[in-house]
Amino acid sequence: MPNYNVKSTARDVFVAKEAVLQKKISQEMERAKEFTKSGNKQAAMQCLKRKKYYESQMNQVGSVQLRINTKEKMIADHSGNKEDK
C-alpha cells in the first residue's frame, strides 16, 4: 500500500521550489533592468546569469516532477493489475 502522504508532501516541496525559483527569476529580471537603466552593464549581466541559472534549476525541478509522476502511474498501474488477478 503506497504512502500517499509522503507523495503529496514531496509534490508540495517541488511546487514550492518552483514558486521560489519563479520569484527569483522575476526579481533578477527587474534588477537587470534597473542596472541597465543606471548604466551598470556588468551588474545587469550578473543578474541575467543568475536568472539563467534559476531557469535551469526550474527545468531540473520540472524533470524530477515528471519522473515522479511517471513512476507513480507505473506503480498505480502495476498495483491495479495485481488487484485484477
PDB file of N, CA and C in Angstrom:
ATOM      1  N   MET A   1       0.839  -1.186   0.000  1.00  0.00           N
ATOM      2  CA  MET A   1       0.000   0.000   0.000  1.00  0.00           C
ATOM      3  C   MET A   1       0.881   1.245   0.000  1.00  0.00           C
ATOM      4  N   PRO A   2       0.786   2.107  -1.004  1.00  0.00           N
ATOM      5  CA  PRO A   2       1.639   3.289  -1.071  1.00  0.00           C
ATOM      6  C   PRO A   2       1.264   4.315  -0.012  1.00  0.00           C
ATOM      7  N   ASN A   3       2.261   5.066   0.395  1.00  0.00           N
ATOM      8  CA  ASN A   3       2.037   6.108   1.383  1.00  0.00           C
ATOM      9  C   ASN A   3       1.756   7.418   0.649  1.00  0.00           C
ATOM     10  N   TYR A   4       0.494   7.792   0.547  1.00  0.00           N
ATOM     11  CA  TYR A   4       0.097   8.961  -0.224  1.00  0.00           C
ATOM     12  C   TYR A   4       0.521  10.265   0.444  1.00  0.00           C
ATOM     13  N   ASN A   5       0.661  10.275   1.769  1.00  0.00           N
ATOM     14  CA  ASN A   5       1.093  11.484   2.459  1.00  0.00           C
ATOM     15  C   ASN A   5       2.504  11.868   2.057  1.00  0.00           C
ATOM     16  N   VAL A   6       3.375  10.890   1.916  1.00  0.00           N
ATOM     17  CA  VAL A   6       4.752  11.163   1.520  1.00  0.00           C
ATOM     18  C   VAL A   6       4.778  11.721   0.103  1.00  0.00           C
ATOM     19  N   LYS A   7       3.996  11.138  -0.799  1.00  0.00           N
ATOM     20  CA  LYS A   7       3.982  11.591  -2.188  1.00  0.00           C
ATOM     21  C   LYS A   7       3.449  13.016  -2.292  1.00  0.00           C
ATOM     22  N   SER A   8       2.377  13.298  -1.573  1.00  0.00           N
ATOM     23  CA  SER A   8       1.823  14.646  -1.666  1.00  0.00           C
ATOM     24  C   SER A   8       2.772  15.658  -1.031  1.00  0.00           C
ATOM     25  N   THR A   9       3.488  15.259   0.012  1.00  0.00           N
ATOM     26  CA  THR A   9       4.458  16.149   0.631  1.00  0.00           C
ATOM     27  C   THR A   9       5.599  16.433  -0.334  1.00  0.00           C
ATOM     28  N   ALA A  10       6.096  15.409  -1.002  1.00  0.00           N
ATOM     29  CA  ALA A  10       7.167  15.594  -1.983  1.00  0.00           C
ATOM     30  C   ALA A  10       6.690  16.496  -3.114  1.00  0.00           C
ATOM     31  N   ARG A  11       5.479  16.286  -3.557  1.00  0.00           N
ATOM     32  CA  ARG A  11       4.915  17.115  -4.627  1.00  0.00           C
ATOM     33  C   ARG A  11       4.809  18.567  -4.163  1.00  0.00           C
ATOM     34  N   ASP A  12       4.374  18.767  -2.922  1.00  0.00           N
ATOM     35  CA  ASP A  12       4.264  20.120  -2.376  1.00  0.00           C
ATOM     36  C   ASP A  12       5.623  20.810  -2.314  1.00  0.00           C
ATOM     37  N   VAL A  13       6.656  20.050  -1.958  1.00  0.00           N
ATOM     38  CA  VAL A  13       8.006  20.611  -1.889  1.00  0.00           C
ATOM     39  C   VAL A  13       8.444  21.097  -3.263  1.00  0.00           C
ATOM     40  N   PHE A  14       8.193  20.296  -4.294  1.00  0.00           N
ATOM     41  CA  PHE A  14       8.599  20.687  -5.639  1.00  0.00           C
ATOM     42  C   PHE A  14       7.792  21.869  -6.151  1.00  0.00           C
ATOM     43  N   VAL A  15       6.529  21.920  -5.811  1.00  0.00           N
ATOM     44  CA  VAL A  15       5.696  23.061  -6.211  1.00  0.00           C
ATOM     45  C   VAL A  15       6.211  24.330  -5.527  1.00  0.00           C
ATOM     46  N   ALA A  16       6.573  24.211  -4.254  1.00  0.00           N
ATOM     47  CA  ALA A  16       7.108  25.360  -3.526  1.00  0.00           C
ATOM     48  C   ALA A  16       8.443  25.808  -4.118  1.00  0.00           C
ATOM     49  N   LYS A  17       9.295  24.841  -4.478  1.00  0.00           N
ATOM     50  CA  LYS A  17      10.582  25.188  -5.092  1.00  0.00           C
ATOM     51  C   LYS A  17      10.373  25.923  -6.405  1.00  0.00           C
ATOM     52  N   GLU A  18       9.407  25.458  -7.190  1.00  0.00           N
ATOM     53  CA  GLU A  18       9.109  26.130  -8.458  1.00  0.00           C
ATOM     54  C   GLU A  18       8.662  27.567  -8.224  1.00  0.00           C
ATOM     55  N   ALA A  19       7.831  27.772  -7.221  1.00  0.00           N
ATOM     56  CA  ALA A  19       7.336  29.119  -6.929  1.00  0.00           C
ATOM     57  C   ALA A  19       8.478  30.036  -6.498  1.00  0.00           C
ATOM     58  N   VAL A  20       9.367  29.521  -5.659  1.00  0.00           N
ATOM     59  CA  VAL A  20      10.510  30.312  -5.202  1.00  0.00           C
ATOM     60  C   VAL A  20      11.415  30.662  -6.378  1.00  0.00           C
ATOM     61  N   LEU A  21      11.686  29.678  -7.227  1.00  0.00           N
ATOM     62  CA  LEU A  21      12.549  29.929  -8.381  1.00  0.00           C
ATOM     63  C   LEU A  21      11.919  30.936  -9.340  1.00  0.00           C
ATOM     64  N   GLN A  22      10.617  30.831  -9.540  1.00  0.00           N
ATOM     65  CA  GLN A  22       9.930  31.781 -10.424  1.00  0.00           C
ATOM     66  C   GLN A  22      10.036  33.195  -9.868  1.00  0.00           C
ATOM     67  N   LYS A  23       9.904  33.322  -8.559  1.00  0.00           N
ATOM     68  CA  LYS A  23      10.017  34.637  -7.922  1.00  0.00           C
ATOM     69  C   LYS A  23      11.432  35.188  -8.095  1.00  0.00           C
ATOM     70  N   LYS A  24      12.441  34.332  -7.919  1.00  0.00           N
ATOM     71  CA  LYS A  24      13.826  34.768  -8.076  1.00  0.00           C
ATOM     72  C   LYS A  24      14.116  35.186  -9.512  1.00  0.00           C
ATOM     73  N   ILE A  25      13.550  34.457 -10.472  1.00  0.00           N
ATOM     74  CA  ILE A  25      13.738  34.804 -11.884  1.00  0.00           C
ATOM     75  C   ILE A  25      13.165  36.195 -12.155  1.00  0.00           C
ATOM     76  N   SER A  26      11.979  36.455 -11.644  1.00  0.00           N
ATOM     77  CA  SER A  26      11.349  37.769 -11.836  1.00  0.00           C
ATOM     78  C   SER A  26      12.173  38.875 -11.183  1.00  0.00           C
ATOM     79  N   GLN A  27      12.672  38.607  -9.982  1.00  0.00           N
ATOM     80  CA  GLN A  27      13.478  39.600  -9.277  1.00  0.00           C
ATOM     81  C   GLN A  27      14.760  39.919 -10.039  1.00  0.00           C
ATOM     82  N   GLU A  28      15.413  38.902 -10.561  1.00  0.00           N
ATOM     83  CA  GLU A  28      16.659  39.126 -11.300  1.00  0.00           C
ATOM     84  C   GLU A  28      16.403  39.915 -12.577  1.00  0.00           C
ATOM     85  N   MET A  29      15.283  39.662 -13.228  1.00  0.00           N
ATOM     86  CA  MET A  29      14.947  40.434 -14.429  1.00  0.00           C
ATOM     87  C   MET A  29      14.748  41.907 -14.082  1.00  0.00           C
ATOM     88  N   GLU A  30      14.030  42.165 -13.000  1.00  0.00           N
ATOM     89  CA  GLU A  30      13.796  43.548 -12.583  1.00  0.00           C
ATOM     90  C   GLU A  30      15.106  44.236 -12.217  1.00  0.00           C
ATOM     91  N   ARG A  31      15.957  43.526 -11.486  1.00  0.00           N
ATOM     92  CA  ARG A  31      17.253  44.104 -11.108  1.00  0.00           C
ATOM     93  C   ARG A  31      18.103  44.385 -12.343  1.00  0.00           C
ATOM     94  N   ALA A  32      18.076  43.472 -13.313  1.00  0.00           N
ATOM     95  CA  ALA A  32      18.850  43.667 -14.542  1.00  0.00           C
ATOM     96  C   ALA A  32      18.367  44.913 -15.282  1.00  0.00           C
ATOM     97  N   LYS A  33      17.057  45.108 -15.330  1.00  0.00           N
ATOM     98  CA  LYS A  33      16.507  46.296 -15.986  1.00  0.00           C
ATOM     99  C   LYS A  33      16.961  47.569 -15.274  1.00  0.00           C
ATOM    100  N   GLU A  34      16.930  47.539 -13.929  1.00  0.00           N
ATOM    101  CA  GLU A  34      17.343  48.711 -13.155  1.00  0.00           C
ATOM    102  C   GLU A  34      18.818  49.026 -13.385  1.00  0.00           C
ATOM    103  N   PHE A  35      19.656  47.996 -13.376  1.00  0.00           N
ATOM    104  CA  PHE A  35      21.087  48.213 -13.591  1.00  0.00           C
ATOM    105  C   PHE A  35      21.363  48.726 -15.003  1.00  0.00           C
ATOM    106  N   THR A  36      20.601  48.229 -15.970  1.00  0.00           N
ATOM    107  CA  THR A  36      20.786  48.685 -17.347  1.00  0.00           C
ATOM    108  C   THR A  36      20.421  50.166 -17.469  1.00  0.00           C
ATOM    109  N   LYS A  37      19.325  50.557 -16.836  1.00  0.00           N
ATOM    110  CA  LYS A  37      18.904  51.962 -16.881  1.00  0.00           C
ATOM    111  C   LYS A  37      19.935  52.875 -16.226  1.00  0.00           C
ATOM    112  N   SER A  38      20.569  52.389 -15.154  1.00  0.00           N
ATOM    113  CA  SER A  38      21.556  53.217 -14.453  1.00  0.00           C
ATOM    114  C   SER A  38      22.941  53.141 -15.102  1.00  0.00           C
ATOM    115  N   GLY A  39      23.086  52.301 -16.131  1.00  0.00           N
ATOM    116  CA  GLY A  39      24.342  52.229 -16.863  1.00  0.00           C
ATOM    117  C   GLY A  39      25.338  51.213 -16.335  1.00  0.00           C
ATOM    118  N   ASN A  40      24.927  50.383 -15.403  1.00  0.00           N
ATOM    119  CA  ASN A  40      25.828  49.376 -14.833  1.00  0.00           C
ATOM    120  C   ASN A  40      25.603  48.046 -15.563  1.00  0.00           C
ATOM    121  N   LYS A  41      26.247  47.913 -16.712  1.00  0.00           N
ATOM    122  CA  LYS A  41      26.019  46.736 -17.555  1.00  0.00           C
ATOM    123  C   LYS A  41      26.593  45.467 -16.941  1.00  0.00           C
ATOM    124  N   GLN A  42      27.698  45.592 -16.214  1.00  0.00           N
ATOM    125  CA  GLN A  42      28.312  44.410 -15.608  1.00  0.00           C
ATOM    126  C   GLN A  42      27.369  43.791 -14.567  1.00  0.00           C
ATOM    127  N   ALA A  43      26.777  44.618 -13.733  1.00  0.00           N
ATOM    128  CA  ALA A  43      25.834  44.115 -12.729  1.00  0.00           C
ATOM    129  C   ALA A  43      24.593  43.535 -13.407  1.00  0.00           C
ATOM    130  N   ALA A  44      24.159  44.161 -14.490  1.00  0.00           N
ATOM    131  CA  ALA A  44      22.997  43.647 -15.228  1.00  0.00           C
ATOM    132  C   ALA A  44      23.299  42.268 -15.792  1.00  0.00           C
ATOM    133  N   MET A  45      24.507  42.088 -16.320  1.00  0.00           N
ATOM    134  CA  MET A  45      24.894  40.781 -16.860  1.00  0.00           C
ATOM    135  C   MET A  45      24.929  39.721 -15.759  1.00  0.00           C
ATOM    136  N   GLN A  46      25.391  40.082 -14.584  1.00  0.00           N
ATOM    137  CA  GLN A  46      25.403  39.137 -13.465  1.00  0.00           C
ATOM    138  C   GLN A  46      23.978  38.718 -13.105  1.00  0.00           C
ATOM    139  N   CYS A  47      23.069  39.665 -13.124  1.00  0.00           N
ATOM    140  CA  CYS A  47      21.660  39.350 -12.849  1.00  0.00           C
ATOM    141  C   CYS A  47      21.113  38.380 -13.889  1.00  0.00           C
ATOM    142  N   LEU A  48      21.451  38.607 -15.150  1.00  0.00           N
ATOM    143  CA  LEU A  48      20.963  37.726 -16.211  1.00  0.00           C
ATOM    144  C   LEU A  48      21.575  36.331 -16.103  1.00  0.00           C
ATOM    145  N   LYS A  49      22.820  36.252 -15.653  1.00  0.00           N
ATOM    146  CA  LYS A  49      23.453  34.943 -15.450  1.00  0.00           C
ATOM    147  C   LYS A  49      22.752  34.181 -14.327  1.00  0.00           C
ATOM    148  N   ARG A  50      22.429  34.906 -13.236  1.00  0.00           N
ATOM    149  CA  ARG A  50      21.698  34.258 -12.135  1.00  0.00           C
ATOM    150  C   ARG A  50      20.315  33.818 -12.602  1.00  0.00           C
ATOM    151  N   LYS A  51      19.670  34.651 -13.409  1.00  0.00           N
ATOM    152  CA  LYS A  51      18.349  34.308 -13.951  1.00  0.00           C
ATOM    153  C   LYS A  51      18.430  33.026 -14.766  1.00  0.00           C
ATOM    154  N   LYS A  52      19.443  32.922 -15.592  1.00  0.00           N
ATOM    155  CA  LYS A  52      19.620  31.725 -16.415  1.00  0.00           C
ATOM    156  C   LYS A  52      19.860  30.500 -15.529  1.00  0.00           C
ATOM    157  N   TYR A  53      20.632  30.665 -14.466  1.00  0.00           N
ATOM    158  CA  TYR A  53      20.872  29.571 -13.526  1.00  0.00           C
ATOM    159  C   TYR A  53      19.560  29.134 -12.874  1.00  0.00           C
ATOM    160  N   TYR A  54      18.766  30.094 -12.428  1.00  0.00           N
ATOM    161  CA  TYR A  54      17.484  29.763 -11.805  1.00  0.00           C
ATOM    162  C   TYR A  54      16.558  29.056 -12.791  1.00  0.00           C
ATOM    163  N   GLU A  55      16.599  29.465 -14.048  1.00  0.00           N
ATOM    164  CA  GLU A  55      15.780  28.798 -15.064  1.00  0.00           C
ATOM    165  C   GLU A  55      16.218  27.350 -15.258  1.00  0.00           C
ATOM    166  N   SER A  56      17.517  27.099 -15.230  1.00  0.00           N
ATOM    167  CA  SER A  56      17.987  25.715 -15.366  1.00  0.00           C
ATOM    168  C   SER A  56      17.577  24.891 -14.151  1.00  0.00           C
ATOM    169  N   GLN A  57      17.618  25.499 -12.970  1.00  0.00           N
ATOM    170  CA  GLN A  57      17.160  24.807 -11.769  1.00  0.00           C
ATOM    171  C   GLN A  57      15.674  24.474 -11.870  1.00  0.00           C
ATOM    172  N   MET A  58      14.907  25.396 -12.410  1.00  0.00           N
ATOM    173  CA  MET A  58      13.471  25.178 -12.567  1.00  0.00           C
ATOM    174  C   MET A  58      13.203  24.041 -13.548  1.00  0.00           C
ATOM    175  N   ASN A  59      13.994  23.962 -14.612  1.00  0.00           N
ATOM    176  CA  ASN A  59      13.855  22.858 -15.560  1.00  0.00           C
ATOM    177  C   ASN A  59      14.170  21.525 -14.892  1.00  0.00           C
ATOM    178  N   GLN A  60      15.180  21.509 -14.032  1.00  0.00           N
ATOM    179  CA  GLN A  60      15.526  20.280 -13.321  1.00  0.00           C
ATOM    180  C   GLN A  60      14.403  19.855 -12.383  1.00  0.00           C
ATOM    181  N   VAL A  61      13.822  20.808 -11.683  1.00  0.00           N
ATOM    182  CA  VAL A  61      12.703  20.504 -10.787  1.00  0.00           C
ATOM    183  C   VAL A  61      11.535  19.941 -11.595  1.00  0.00           C
ATOM    184  N   GLY A  62      11.273  20.532 -12.748  1.00  0.00           N
ATOM    185  CA  GLY A  62      10.202  20.034 -13.614  1.00  0.00           C
ATOM    186  C   GLY A  62      10.467  18.622 -14.089  1.00  0.00           C
ATOM    187  N   SER A  63      11.721  18.320 -14.413  1.00  0.00           N
ATOM    188  CA  SER A  63      12.081  16.969 -14.849  1.00  0.00           C
ATOM    189  C   SER A  63      11.879  15.958 -13.730  1.00  0.00           C
ATOM    190  N   VAL A  64      12.258  16.334 -12.527  1.00  0.00           N
ATOM    191  CA  VAL A  64      12.078  15.438 -11.383  1.00  0.00           C
ATOM    192  C   VAL A  64      10.594  15.193 -11.146  1.00  0.00           C
ATOM    193  N   GLN A  65       9.792  16.247 -11.237  1.00  0.00           N
ATOM    194  CA  GLN A  65       8.346  16.086 -11.056  1.00  0.00           C
ATOM    195  C   GLN A  65       7.772  15.147 -12.107  1.00  0.00           C
ATOM    196  N   LEU A  66       8.224  15.278 -13.329  1.00  0.00           N
ATOM    197  CA  LEU A  66       7.743  14.415 -14.400  1.00  0.00           C
ATOM    198  C   LEU A  66       8.112  12.959 -14.132  1.00  0.00           C
ATOM    199  N   ARG A  67       9.350  12.718 -13.696  1.00  0.00           N
ATOM    200  CA  ARG A  67       9.767  11.346 -13.380  1.00  0.00           C
ATOM    201  C   ARG A  67       8.953  10.770 -12.227  1.00  0.00           C
ATOM    202  N   ILE A  68       8.702  11.585 -11.214  1.00  0.00           N
ATOM    203  CA  ILE A  68       7.909  11.117 -10.073  1.00  0.00           C
ATOM    204  C   ILE A  68       6.500  10.756 -10.527  1.00  0.00           C
ATOM    205  N   ASN A  69       5.879  11.611 -11.331  1.00  0.00           N
ATOM    206  CA  ASN A  69       4.524  11.336 -11.819  1.00  0.00           C
ATOM    207  C   ASN A  69       4.487  10.073 -12.660  1.00  0.00           C
ATOM    208  N   THR A  70       5.496   9.890 -13.511  1.00  0.00           N
ATOM    209  CA  THR A  70       5.560   8.698 -14.357  1.00  0.00           C
ATOM    210  C   THR A  70       5.672   7.446 -13.506  1.00  0.00           C
ATOM    211  N   LYS A  71       6.538   7.489 -12.502  1.00  0.00           N
ATOM    212  CA  LYS A  71       6.711   6.317 -11.635  1.00  0.00           C
ATOM    213  C   LYS A  71       5.459   6.043 -10.818  1.00  0.00           C
ATOM    214  N   GLU A  72       4.792   7.099 -10.361  1.00  0.00           N
ATOM    215  CA  GLU A  72       3.544   6.908  -9.620  1.00  0.00           C
ATOM    216  C   GLU A  72       2.502   6.216 -10.489  1.00  0.00           C
ATOM    217  N   LYS A  73       2.411   6.625 -11.749  1.00  0.00           N
ATOM    218  CA  LYS A  73       1.449   5.999 -12.657  1.00  0.00           C
ATOM    219  C   LYS A  73       1.807   4.545 -12.915  1.00  0.00           C
ATOM    220  N   MET A  74       3.101   4.269 -13.066  1.00  0.00           N
ATOM    221  CA  MET A  74       3.531   2.888 -13.280  1.00  0.00           C
ATOM    222  C   MET A  74       3.184   2.024 -12.074  1.00  0.00           C
ATOM    223  N   ILE A  75       3.409   2.552 -10.885  1.00  0.00           N
ATOM    224  CA  ILE A  75       3.101   1.807  -9.664  1.00  0.00           C
ATOM    225  C   ILE A  75       1.597   1.599  -9.543  1.00  0.00           C
ATOM    226  N   ALA A  76       0.826   2.641  -9.840  1.00  0.00           N
ATOM    227  CA  ALA A  76      -0.631   2.519  -9.760  1.00  0.00           C
ATOM    228  C   ALA A  76      -1.143   1.494 -10.764  1.00  0.00           C
ATOM    229  N   ASP A  77      -0.594   1.518 -11.983  1.00  0.00           N
ATOM    230  CA  ASP A  77      -0.998   0.536 -12.992  1.00  0.00           C
ATOM    231  C   ASP A  77      -0.615  -0.869 -12.562  1.00  0.00           C
ATOM    232  N   HIS A  78       0.565  -0.997 -12.001  1.00  0.00           N
ATOM    233  CA  HIS A  78       1.041  -2.309 -11.568  1.00  0.00           C
ATOM    234  C   HIS A  78       0.191  -2.840 -10.410  1.00  0.00           C
ATOM    235  N   SER A  79      -0.115  -1.981  -9.446  1.00  0.00           N
ATOM    236  CA  SER A  79      -0.934  -2.435  -8.320  1.00  0.00           C
ATOM    237  C   SER A  79      -2.361  -2.718  -8.782  1.00  0.00           C
ATOM    238  N   GLY A  80      -2.839  -1.972  -9.776  1.00  0.00           N
ATOM    239  CA  GLY A  80      -4.168  -2.231 -10.337  1.00  0.00           C
ATOM    240  C   GLY A  80      -4.225  -3.572 -11.028  1.00  0.00           C
ATOM    241  N   ASN A  81      -3.143  -3.956 -11.695  1.00  0.00           N
ATOM    242  CA  ASN A  81      -3.080  -5.256 -12.355  1.00  0.00           C
ATOM    243  C   ASN A  81      -3.086  -6.385 -11.339  1.00  0.00           C
ATOM    244  N   LYS A  82      -2.445  -6.187 -10.201  1.00  0.00           N
ATOM    245  CA  LYS A  82      -2.423  -7.219  -9.165  1.00  0.00           C
ATOM    246  C   LYS A  82      -3.815  -7.428  -8.580  1.00  0.00           C
ATOM    247  N   GLU A  83      -4.554  -6.319  -8.405  1.00  0.00           N
ATOM    248  CA  GLU A  83      -5.892  -6.424  -7.829  1.00  0.00           C
ATOM    249  C   GLU A  83      -6.850  -7.119  -8.784  1.00  0.00           C
ATOM    250  N   ASP A  84      -6.619  -6.989 -10.091  1.00  0.00           N
ATOM    251  CA  ASP A  84      -7.490  -7.626 -11.074  1.00  0.00           C
ATOM    252  C   ASP A  84      -7.330  -9.136 -11.072  1.00  0.00           C
ATOM    253  N   LYS A  85      -6.160  -9.612 -10.688  1.00  0.00           N
ATOM    254  CA  LYS A  85      -5.890 -11.058 -10.742  1.00  0.00           C
ATOM    255  C   LYS A  85      -6.449 -11.799  -9.572  1.00  0.00           C
TER     256      LYS A  85
END
